[in-house]
Structure formats: C-alpha cells, structure tokens
C-alpha cells in the first residue's frame, strides 16, 4: 500500500505491517529522531498487531520477551507516532486508551466493539461539513479525529445483529 491514498472518501483495513514499519521507521529518521533499537522494537511490535493494543500491553510484552525497551521509551515513542500520524488512539471502555496503526493523513477509524477489528477511513472532509454548523460561533476548527464503533461483519452473527 502506498503511504498516500486518494483524496476522495474511501476505507481500507489496517496498513500492511511491512509497509507501515518501513514508513514509520523512515519517518523517525527523517524527523531527526534517534532511531534506537528500543524504538525499533516498539515499531516492530505495533507493525505485527492486527488489533488495537494498549501501551501497558506493549510494555508487558516487551518485558516478557526480555527486550530492552523501557516504559518511558514506549510511551515517548507512542506519543511521537501518534503526533506524526502513524498511530491513532482508540477510545475503549476500559481505563486505558488503545492504539492502532494507520498511515499519516488518516484520522478516522471504525472499530468493532467485540473483536477490535479496525477499518481506516480516508478522504472525509469533516471540516467542510462542520464549518456551516459552527458558523457564527467564533470557533475555528484546527483539526479533528473521528472514531465510529459498531460490530464487524464477522462478529454480527455472534452478537445477534442483522447483517
């Protein structure tokens, strides 16, 4: 998958692990961040997942594997990847936020509440939709993130939801 998508509205599954890993590591180097082995471990872990994950799951998994990537490195790397558009935070029902990978330029997701399957949406110009609603309020939109929740096609029969 290329690192850019068409501008018109579209959806797709999570970016392929190899493409995402390559792009995220290249972005770290381009933005003059230190591409340390500990950061590479965090990126590798995220690339391998096909579901949302929490920061603490990542910390625990790396510790269990006896990988040298401390809690502070994990959290700093997640913050950087999120700010750069390589992951997005997914609001869950628990106390911790979960994250899922995406490609920069995408900031909308649809998440299955049963299995965590995630679709990434792109090309949705919400600013144009919201601007008339906010007209006269004095509020200026600087950015947005949108998360939609539901049940994926695979889980609908389990949940008793219609297809």
C-alpha atoms as a PDB file:
ATOM      1  CA  UNK A   1       0.000   0.000   0.000  1.00  0.00           C
ATOM      2  CA  UNK A   2       1.398   3.407  -0.824  1.00  0.00           C
ATOM      3  CA  UNK A   3       1.889   5.889   2.015  1.00  0.00           C
ATOM      4  CA  UNK A   4      -0.732   8.161   0.480  1.00  0.00           C
ATOM      5  CA  UNK A   5      -4.279   7.376  -0.517  1.00  0.00           C
ATOM      6  CA  UNK A   6      -6.737   9.039  -2.861  1.00  0.00           C
ATOM      7  CA  UNK A   7      -8.327  12.205  -1.553  1.00  0.00           C
ATOM      8  CA  UNK A   8     -11.864  11.014  -2.242  1.00  0.00           C
ATOM      9  CA  UNK A   9     -13.681   9.141   0.545  1.00  0.00           C
ATOM     10  CA  UNK A  10     -12.527   5.543   0.955  1.00  0.00           C
ATOM     11  CA  UNK A  11     -11.891   2.843   3.547  1.00  0.00           C
ATOM     12  CA  UNK A  12      -9.404   0.039   3.947  1.00  0.00           C
ATOM     13  CA  UNK A  13      -8.071  -2.372   6.522  1.00  0.00           C
ATOM     14  CA  UNK A  14      -5.036  -1.569   8.603  1.00  0.00           C
ATOM     15  CA  UNK A  15      -1.963  -0.793   6.514  1.00  0.00           C
ATOM     16  CA  UNK A  16       0.186  -3.851   5.758  1.00  0.00           C
ATOM     17  CA  UNK A  17       2.711  -4.466   8.529  1.00  0.00           C
ATOM     18  CA  UNK A  18       5.818  -4.243   6.324  1.00  0.00           C
ATOM     19  CA  UNK A  19       4.697  -1.001   4.638  1.00  0.00           C
ATOM     20  CA  UNK A  20       3.760   0.566   7.956  1.00  0.00           C
ATOM     21  CA  UNK A  21       7.014  -0.486   9.642  1.00  0.00           C
ATOM     22  CA  UNK A  22       9.151   0.833   6.795  1.00  0.00           C
ATOM     23  CA  UNK A  23       7.276   4.136   6.666  1.00  0.00           C
ATOM     24  CA  UNK A  24       7.269   4.684  10.420  1.00  0.00           C
ATOM     25  CA  UNK A  25      10.990   3.964  10.791  1.00  0.00           C
ATOM     26  CA  UNK A  26      11.813   6.175   7.800  1.00  0.00           C
ATOM     27  CA  UNK A  27       9.731   8.970   9.352  1.00  0.00           C
ATOM     28  CA  UNK A  28      11.633   8.645  12.626  1.00  0.00           C
ATOM     29  CA  UNK A  29      14.903   9.166  10.770  1.00  0.00           C
ATOM     30  CA  UNK A  30      13.554  11.966   8.558  1.00  0.00           C
ATOM     31  CA  UNK A  31      12.290  13.875  11.557  1.00  0.00           C
ATOM     32  CA  UNK A  32      15.741  13.608  13.124  1.00  0.00           C
ATOM     33  CA  UNK A  33      14.585  11.365  15.912  1.00  0.00           C
ATOM     34  CA  UNK A  34      17.085   8.850  17.196  1.00  0.00           C
ATOM     35  CA  UNK A  35      16.300   5.513  15.538  1.00  0.00           C
ATOM     36  CA  UNK A  36      17.362   3.465  18.550  1.00  0.00           C
ATOM     37  CA  UNK A  37      16.979  -0.309  18.822  1.00  0.00           C
ATOM     38  CA  UNK A  38      14.443   0.270  21.629  1.00  0.00           C
ATOM     39  CA  UNK A  39      12.265   2.440  19.363  1.00  0.00           C
ATOM     40  CA  UNK A  40      12.585  -0.129  16.577  1.00  0.00           C
ATOM     41  CA  UNK A  41      11.269  -2.802  18.980  1.00  0.00           C
ATOM     42  CA  UNK A  42       8.192  -0.671  19.693  1.00  0.00           C
ATOM     43  CA  UNK A  43       7.601  -0.111  15.980  1.00  0.00           C
ATOM     44  CA  UNK A  44       8.082  -3.832  15.248  1.00  0.00           C
ATOM     45  CA  UNK A  45       5.560  -4.791  17.938  1.00  0.00           C
ATOM     46  CA  UNK A  46       2.951  -2.383  16.592  1.00  0.00           C
ATOM     47  CA  UNK A  47       3.530  -3.494  13.000  1.00  0.00           C
ATOM     48  CA  UNK A  48       2.863  -7.125  13.926  1.00  0.00           C
ATOM     49  CA  UNK A  49      -0.537  -6.439  15.524  1.00  0.00           C
ATOM     50  CA  UNK A  50      -3.815  -6.632  13.624  1.00  0.00           C
ATOM     51  CA  UNK A  51      -5.861  -5.300  16.535  1.00  0.00           C
ATOM     52  CA  UNK A  52      -5.809  -2.317  18.885  1.00  0.00           C
ATOM     53  CA  UNK A  53      -3.333  -2.504  21.781  1.00  0.00           C
ATOM     54  CA  UNK A  54      -2.651  -0.564  24.975  1.00  0.00           C
ATOM     55  CA  UNK A  55       0.645   0.972  26.000  1.00  0.00           C
ATOM     56  CA  UNK A  56       0.789  -1.286  29.039  1.00  0.00           C
ATOM     57  CA  UNK A  57       0.249  -4.405  26.881  1.00  0.00           C
ATOM     58  CA  UNK A  58       3.215  -3.284  24.808  1.00  0.00           C
ATOM     59  CA  UNK A  59       5.378  -2.648  27.909  1.00  0.00           C
ATOM     60  CA  UNK A  60       4.449  -6.045  29.378  1.00  0.00           C
ATOM     61  CA  UNK A  61       5.056  -7.923  26.113  1.00  0.00           C
ATOM     62  CA  UNK A  62       8.470  -6.376  25.579  1.00  0.00           C
ATOM     63  CA  UNK A  63       9.421  -7.104  29.208  1.00  0.00           C
ATOM     64  CA  UNK A  64       8.227 -10.722  28.847  1.00  0.00           C
ATOM     65  CA  UNK A  65      10.386 -11.107  25.739  1.00  0.00           C
ATOM     66  CA  UNK A  66      13.254  -9.549  27.723  1.00  0.00           C
ATOM     67  CA  UNK A  67      13.592  -6.838  25.123  1.00  0.00           C
ATOM     68  CA  UNK A  68      15.330  -3.648  26.212  1.00  0.00           C
ATOM     69  CA  UNK A  69      12.637  -1.049  25.813  1.00  0.00           C
ATOM     70  CA  UNK A  70      11.639   0.743  28.991  1.00  0.00           C
ATOM     71  CA  UNK A  71       8.228   2.136  29.859  1.00  0.00           C
ATOM     72  CA  UNK A  72       9.364   5.730  29.215  1.00  0.00           C
ATOM     73  CA  UNK A  73      10.678   4.797  25.754  1.00  0.00           C
ATOM     74  CA  UNK A  74       7.421   3.024  24.917  1.00  0.00           C
ATOM     75  CA  UNK A  75       5.287   5.996  25.964  1.00  0.00           C
ATOM     76  CA  UNK A  76       7.527   8.572  24.252  1.00  0.00           C
ATOM     77  CA  UNK A  77       7.554   6.506  21.058  1.00  0.00           C
ATOM     78  CA  UNK A  78       3.760   6.129  21.130  1.00  0.00           C
ATOM     79  CA  UNK A  79       3.359   9.877  21.643  1.00  0.00           C
ATOM     80  CA  UNK A  80       5.691  10.612  18.743  1.00  0.00           C
ATOM     81  CA  UNK A  81       4.000   8.071  16.416  1.00  0.00           C
ATOM     82  CA  UNK A  82       0.591   9.497  17.317  1.00  0.00           C
ATOM     83  CA  UNK A  83       1.661  13.102  16.781  1.00  0.00           C
ATOM     84  CA  UNK A  84       3.215  12.142  13.423  1.00  0.00           C
ATOM     85  CA  UNK A  85       0.034  10.321  12.284  1.00  0.00           C
ATOM     86  CA  UNK A  86       1.379   6.739  12.331  1.00  0.00           C
ATOM     87  CA  UNK A  87      -0.979   5.524  15.077  1.00  0.00           C
ATOM     88  CA  UNK A  88      -4.275   6.747  16.424  1.00  0.00           C
ATOM     89  CA  UNK A  89      -5.722   6.482  19.876  1.00  0.00           C
ATOM     90  CA  UNK A  90      -8.904   4.427  20.089  1.00  0.00           C
ATOM     91  CA  UNK A  91     -11.230   5.210  22.959  1.00  0.00           C
ATOM     92  CA  UNK A  92     -12.189   2.000  24.698  1.00  0.00           C
ATOM     93  CA  UNK A  93     -14.456   1.021  27.534  1.00  0.00           C
ATOM     94  CA  UNK A  94     -11.532   0.423  29.883  1.00  0.00           C
ATOM     95  CA  UNK A  95      -9.363   2.836  31.812  1.00  0.00           C
ATOM     96  CA  UNK A  96      -6.576   2.817  29.233  1.00  0.00           C
ATOM     97  CA  UNK A  97      -6.662   4.123  25.709  1.00  0.00           C
ATOM     98  CA  UNK A  98      -5.846   1.656  22.988  1.00  0.00           C
ATOM     99  CA  UNK A  99      -3.912   2.454  19.837  1.00  0.00           C
ATOM    100  CA  UNK A 100      -3.994   1.148  16.293  1.00  0.00           C
ATOM    101  CA  UNK A 101      -1.687   1.805  13.383  1.00  0.00           C
ATOM    102  CA  UNK A 102      -2.594   3.904  10.375  1.00  0.00           C
ATOM    103  CA  UNK A 103      -0.879   5.897   7.676  1.00  0.00           C
ATOM    104  CA  UNK A 104      -0.443   9.656   8.027  1.00  0.00           C
ATOM    105  CA  UNK A 105      -3.352  11.632   6.621  1.00  0.00           C
ATOM    106  CA  UNK A 106      -5.964   9.247   8.013  1.00  0.00           C
ATOM    107  CA  UNK A 107      -7.646  10.267  11.224  1.00  0.00           C
ATOM    108  CA  UNK A 108     -10.924   8.415  11.120  1.00  0.00           C
ATOM    109  CA  UNK A 109     -11.484   4.827  12.184  1.00  0.00           C
ATOM    110  CA  UNK A 110     -14.280   2.309  12.596  1.00  0.00           C
ATOM    111  CA  UNK A 111     -13.699  -0.206  15.397  1.00  0.00           C
ATOM    112  CA  UNK A 112     -15.572  -3.446  16.140  1.00  0.00           C
ATOM    113  CA  UNK A 113     -16.614  -3.412  19.781  1.00  0.00           C
ATOM    114  CA  UNK A 114     -16.360  -7.210  20.018  1.00  0.00           C
ATOM    115  CA  UNK A 115     -13.100  -8.208  18.307  1.00  0.00           C
ATOM    116  CA  UNK A 116     -11.303  -4.893  17.802  1.00  0.00           C
ATOM    117  CA  UNK A 117     -11.154  -5.179  14.005  1.00  0.00           C
ATOM    118  CA  UNK A 118     -10.402  -1.739  12.628  1.00  0.00           C
ATOM    119  CA  UNK A 119     -11.131  -0.029   9.327  1.00  0.00           C
ATOM    120  CA  UNK A 120      -9.333   3.174   8.427  1.00  0.00           C
ATOM    121  CA  UNK A 121     -11.298   5.900   6.650  1.00  0.00           C
ATOM    122  CA  UNK A 122      -9.710   8.478   4.418  1.00  0.00           C
ATOM    123  CA  UNK A 123     -10.706  11.393   2.274  1.00  0.00           C
ATOM    124  CA  UNK A 124     -13.508  12.501   4.581  1.00  0.00           C
ATOM    125  CA  UNK A 125     -13.599  16.278   4.751  1.00  0.00           C
ATOM    126  CA  UNK A 126     -15.368  16.806   8.063  1.00  0.00           C
ATOM    127  CA  UNK A 127     -14.117  20.368   8.308  1.00  0.00           C
ATOM    128  CA  UNK A 128     -16.327  21.312   5.348  1.00  0.00           C
ATOM    129  CA  UNK A 129     -19.319  19.579   6.971  1.00  0.00           C
ATOM    130  CA  UNK A 130     -18.774  21.135  10.393  1.00  0.00           C
ATOM    131  CA  UNK A 131     -17.897  24.682   9.299  1.00  0.00           C
ATOM    132  CA  UNK A 132     -21.521  25.659   8.440  1.00  0.00           C
ATOM    133  CA  UNK A 133     -22.740  24.179  11.722  1.00  0.00           C
ATOM    134  CA  UNK A 134     -20.195  26.237  13.660  1.00  0.00           C
ATOM    135  CA  UNK A 135     -20.718  29.392  11.579  1.00  0.00           C
ATOM    136  CA  UNK A 136     -21.251  32.354  13.842  1.00  0.00           C
ATOM    137  CA  UNK A 137     -19.919  30.559  16.911  1.00  0.00           C
ATOM    138  CA  UNK A 138     -16.481  32.130  16.603  1.00  0.00           C
ATOM    139  CA  UNK A 139     -14.938  28.657  16.832  1.00  0.00           C
ATOM    140  CA  UNK A 140     -12.217  27.814  14.324  1.00  0.00           C
ATOM    141  CA  UNK A 141     -11.549  24.154  13.534  1.00  0.00           C
ATOM    142  CA  UNK A 142      -7.847  23.283  13.766  1.00  0.00           C
ATOM    143  CA  UNK A 143      -8.170  19.523  13.341  1.00  0.00           C
ATOM    144  CA  UNK A 144     -10.260  16.500  14.197  1.00  0.00           C
ATOM    145  CA  UNK A 145     -10.305  12.784  14.857  1.00  0.00           C
ATOM    146  CA  UNK A 146     -13.354  10.605  14.389  1.00  0.00           C
ATOM    147  CA  UNK A 147     -13.957   7.154  15.829  1.00  0.00           C
ATOM    148  CA  UNK A 148     -17.008   5.127  14.975  1.00  0.00           C
ATOM    149  CA  UNK A 149     -17.956   1.983  16.888  1.00  0.00           C
ATOM    150  CA  UNK A 150     -20.022  -0.959  15.795  1.00  0.00           C
ATOM    151  CA  UNK A 151     -19.943  -4.650  15.044  1.00  0.00           C
ATOM    152  CA  UNK A 152     -17.972  -6.013  12.095  1.00  0.00           C
ATOM    153  CA  UNK A 153     -19.470  -8.476   9.609  1.00  0.00           C
ATOM    154  CA  UNK A 154     -17.581 -11.365  11.230  1.00  0.00           C
ATOM    155  CA  UNK A 155     -18.964 -10.629  14.730  1.00  0.00           C
ATOM    156  CA  UNK A 156     -22.534  -9.708  13.782  1.00  0.00           C
ATOM    157  CA  UNK A 157     -23.855 -13.304  13.897  1.00  0.00           C
ATOM    158  CA  UNK A 158     -22.240 -13.749  17.326  1.00  0.00           C
ATOM    159  CA  UNK A 159     -23.771 -10.522  18.594  1.00  0.00           C
ATOM    160  CA  UNK A 160     -27.164 -11.360  17.111  1.00  0.00           C
ATOM    161  CA  UNK A 161     -27.023  -8.238  14.972  1.00  0.00           C
ATOM    162  CA  UNK A 162     -28.504  -8.258  11.487  1.00  0.00           C
ATOM    163  CA  UNK A 163     -26.091  -8.414   8.575  1.00  0.00           C
END
